[in-house]
C-alpha atoms as a PDB file:
ATOM      1  CA  MET A   1    -136.100  49.319 -26.405  1.00  0.00           C
ATOM      2  CA  GLU A   2    -133.783  48.023 -29.116  1.00  0.00           C
ATOM      3  CA  CYS A   3    -131.015  45.561 -28.429  1.00  0.00           C
ATOM      4  CA  ASN A   4    -127.686  47.368 -28.917  1.00  0.00           C
ATOM      5  CA  CYS A   5    -126.061  44.139 -30.072  1.00  0.00           C
ATOM      6  CA  CYS A   6    -128.329  44.095 -33.135  1.00  0.00           C
ATOM      7  CA  LYS A   7    -127.869  47.693 -34.289  1.00  0.00           C
ATOM      8  CA  THR A   8    -125.845  48.348 -37.405  1.00  0.00           C
ATOM      9  CA  LYS A   9    -124.601  51.445 -39.187  1.00  0.00           C
ATOM     10  CA  GLU A  10    -124.195  51.815 -42.928  1.00  0.00           C
ATOM     11  CA  ARG A  11    -121.079  53.843 -43.618  1.00  0.00           C
ATOM     12  CA  SER A  12    -120.019  55.502 -46.813  1.00  0.00           C
ATOM     13  CA  GLU A  13    -117.145  53.856 -48.627  1.00  0.00           C
ATOM     14  CA  LYS A  14    -114.915  56.831 -47.738  1.00  0.00           C
ATOM     15  CA  GLU A  15    -115.820  56.732 -44.041  1.00  0.00           C
ATOM     16  CA  GLN A  16    -115.262  52.980 -43.825  1.00  0.00           C
ATOM     17  CA  LYS A  17    -111.950  53.213 -45.681  1.00  0.00           C
ATOM     18  CA  ASP A  18    -110.743  56.001 -43.378  1.00  0.00           C
ATOM     19  CA  LEU A  19    -111.660  54.085 -40.224  1.00  0.00           C
ATOM     20  CA  LEU A  20    -110.060  50.878 -41.502  1.00  0.00           C
ATOM     21  CA  ASN A  21    -106.877  52.740 -42.500  1.00  0.00           C
ATOM     22  CA  ARG A  22    -106.630  54.235 -39.016  1.00  0.00           C
ATOM     23  CA  LEU A  23    -107.104  50.802 -37.455  1.00  0.00           C
ATOM     24  CA  SER A  24    -104.474  49.270 -39.740  1.00  0.00           C
ATOM     25  CA  ARG A  25    -101.948  51.887 -38.632  1.00  0.00           C
ATOM     26  CA  ILE A  26    -102.798  51.204 -34.991  1.00  0.00           C
ATOM     27  CA  GLU A  27    -102.408  47.453 -35.552  1.00  0.00           C
ATOM     28  CA  GLY A  28     -98.997  48.104 -37.066  1.00  0.00           C
ATOM     29  CA  GLN A  29     -97.998  50.194 -34.069  1.00  0.00           C
ATOM     30  CA  VAL A  30     -99.082  47.420 -31.688  1.00  0.00           C
ATOM     31  CA  ARG A  31     -97.076  44.862 -33.659  1.00  0.00           C
ATOM     32  CA  GLY A  32     -94.118  47.233 -33.474  1.00  0.00           C
ATOM     33  CA  ILE A  33     -94.368  47.363 -29.697  1.00  0.00           C
ATOM     34  CA  ARG A  34     -94.558  43.583 -29.556  1.00  0.00           C
ATOM     35  CA  GLY A  35     -91.311  43.477 -31.520  1.00  0.00           C
ATOM     36  CA  MET A  36     -89.751  45.988 -29.152  1.00  0.00           C
ATOM     37  CA  VAL A  37     -90.659  43.803 -26.166  1.00  0.00           C
ATOM     38  CA  GLU A  38     -89.295  40.720 -27.934  1.00  0.00           C
ATOM     39  CA  ARG A  39     -86.033  42.594 -28.592  1.00  0.00           C
ATOM     40  CA  ASP A  40     -85.827  43.778 -24.972  1.00  0.00           C
ATOM     41  CA  ALA A  41     -86.144  47.442 -25.928  1.00  0.00           C
ATOM     42  CA  TYR A  42     -85.672  50.064 -23.253  1.00  0.00           C
ATOM     43  CA  CYS A  43     -88.810  50.699 -21.148  1.00  0.00           C
ATOM     44  CA  THR A  44     -89.171  54.397 -21.912  1.00  0.00           C
ATOM     45  CA  ASP A  45     -88.905  53.724 -25.639  1.00  0.00           C
ATOM     46  CA  ILE A  46     -91.774  51.244 -25.366  1.00  0.00           C
ATOM     47  CA  LEU A  47     -93.805  53.627 -23.214  1.00  0.00           C
ATOM     48  CA  THR A  48     -93.351  56.368 -25.809  1.00  0.00           C
ATOM     49  CA  GLN A  49     -94.779  54.082 -28.469  1.00  0.00           C
ATOM     50  CA  VAL A  50     -97.675  53.089 -26.191  1.00  0.00           C
ATOM     51  CA  ALA A  51     -98.467  56.788 -25.753  1.00  0.00           C
ATOM     52  CA  ALA A  52     -98.536  57.149 -29.548  1.00  0.00           C
ATOM     53  CA  ILE A  53    -101.022  54.278 -29.800  1.00  0.00           C
ATOM     54  CA  THR A  54    -103.164  55.792 -27.077  1.00  0.00           C
ATOM     55  CA  ALA A  55    -103.248  59.077 -29.007  1.00  0.00           C
ATOM     56  CA  ALA A  56    -104.130  57.231 -32.227  1.00  0.00           C
ATOM     57  CA  LEU A  57    -106.991  55.377 -30.501  1.00  0.00           C
ATOM     58  CA  ASN A  58    -108.263  58.641 -29.007  1.00  0.00           C
ATOM     59  CA  SER A  59    -108.208  60.207 -32.459  1.00  0.00           C
ATOM     60  CA  PHE A  60    -110.097  57.195 -33.865  1.00  0.00           C
ATOM     61  CA  ASN A  61    -112.705  57.590 -31.111  1.00  0.00           C
ATOM     62  CA  LYS A  62    -113.140  61.310 -31.850  1.00  0.00           C
ATOM     63  CA  VAL A  63    -113.730  60.688 -35.553  1.00  0.00           C
ATOM     64  CA  LEU A  64    -116.143  57.825 -34.900  1.00  0.00           C
ATOM     65  CA  LEU A  65    -118.018  59.695 -32.169  1.00  0.00           C
ATOM     66  CA  ALA A  66    -118.404  62.829 -34.287  1.00  0.00           C
ATOM     67  CA  GLU A  67    -119.827  60.804 -37.170  1.00  0.00           C
ATOM     68  CA  HIS A  68    -122.129  58.924 -34.774  1.00  0.00           C
ATOM     69  CA  ILE A  69    -123.531  62.187 -33.413  1.00  0.00           C
ATOM     70  CA  ARG A  70    -123.946  63.705 -36.891  1.00  0.00           C
ATOM     71  CA  THR A  71    -125.788  60.688 -38.250  1.00  0.00           C
ATOM     72  CA  CYS A  72    -127.235  58.139 -35.816  1.00  0.00           C
ATOM     73  CA  VAL A  73    -127.928  60.431 -32.871  1.00  0.00           C
ATOM     74  CA  ALA A  74    -129.281  63.315 -34.962  1.00  0.00           C
ATOM     75  CA  GLN A  75    -131.602  60.998 -36.908  1.00  0.00           C
ATOM     76  CA  ASP A  76    -132.861  59.251 -33.778  1.00  0.00           C
ATOM     77  CA  ILE A  77    -133.638  62.617 -32.157  1.00  0.00           C
ATOM     78  CA  ARG A  78    -135.520  63.706 -35.301  1.00  0.00           C
ATOM     79  CA  ASP A  79    -137.417  60.402 -35.085  1.00  0.00           C
ATOM     80  CA  GLY A  80    -138.343  61.080 -31.447  1.00  0.00           C
ATOM     81  CA  LYS A  81    -136.095  58.381 -29.989  1.00  0.00           C
ATOM     82  CA  ASP A  82    -135.040  60.316 -26.882  1.00  0.00           C
ATOM     83  CA  GLU A  83    -133.397  57.234 -25.340  1.00  0.00           C
ATOM     84  CA  THR A  84    -130.562  57.786 -27.809  1.00  0.00           C
ATOM     85  CA  VAL A  85    -129.429  60.767 -25.735  1.00  0.00           C
ATOM     86  CA  ASP A  86    -129.150  58.509 -22.673  1.00  0.00           C
ATOM     87  CA  GLU A  87    -127.162  56.009 -24.762  1.00  0.00           C
ATOM     88  CA  LEU A  88    -124.842  58.809 -25.918  1.00  0.00           C
ATOM     89  CA  VAL A  89    -124.311  60.013 -22.348  1.00  0.00           C
ATOM     90  CA  ALA A  90    -123.472  56.458 -21.220  1.00  0.00           C
ATOM     91  CA  THR A  91    -121.037  56.092 -24.119  1.00  0.00           C
ATOM     92  CA  LEU A  92    -119.328  59.395 -23.274  1.00  0.00           C
ATOM     93  CA  GLN A  93    -119.020  58.339 -19.647  1.00  0.00           C
ATOM     94  CA  LYS A  94    -117.275  55.123 -20.734  1.00  0.00           C
ATOM     95  CA  LEU A  95    -114.900  57.074 -22.971  1.00  0.00           C
ATOM     96  CA  MET A  96    -113.969  59.437 -20.141  1.00  0.00           C
ATOM     97  CA  ARG A  97    -112.858  56.773 -17.674  1.00  0.00           C
END
């Protein structure tokens, strides 16, 4: 069995750029919330922004998971690596907590 800490994934330039752009927007949103807390913004205003970040992270996960299934999982199944299905199930269980 392979060590998950050693696995890597080559991404196309477009895929990597898209993921990094999404993460940059999320980072900006988090910094915005920090500023709101520092300025003593009203609780519900902060909570609304937290909900937006949660939605952005969920969207990031959906994009990443779909690409993972299309590439890594599909290739491993073609290669007879059935343990990849167990890994995918465990990952989905973590995402659904």
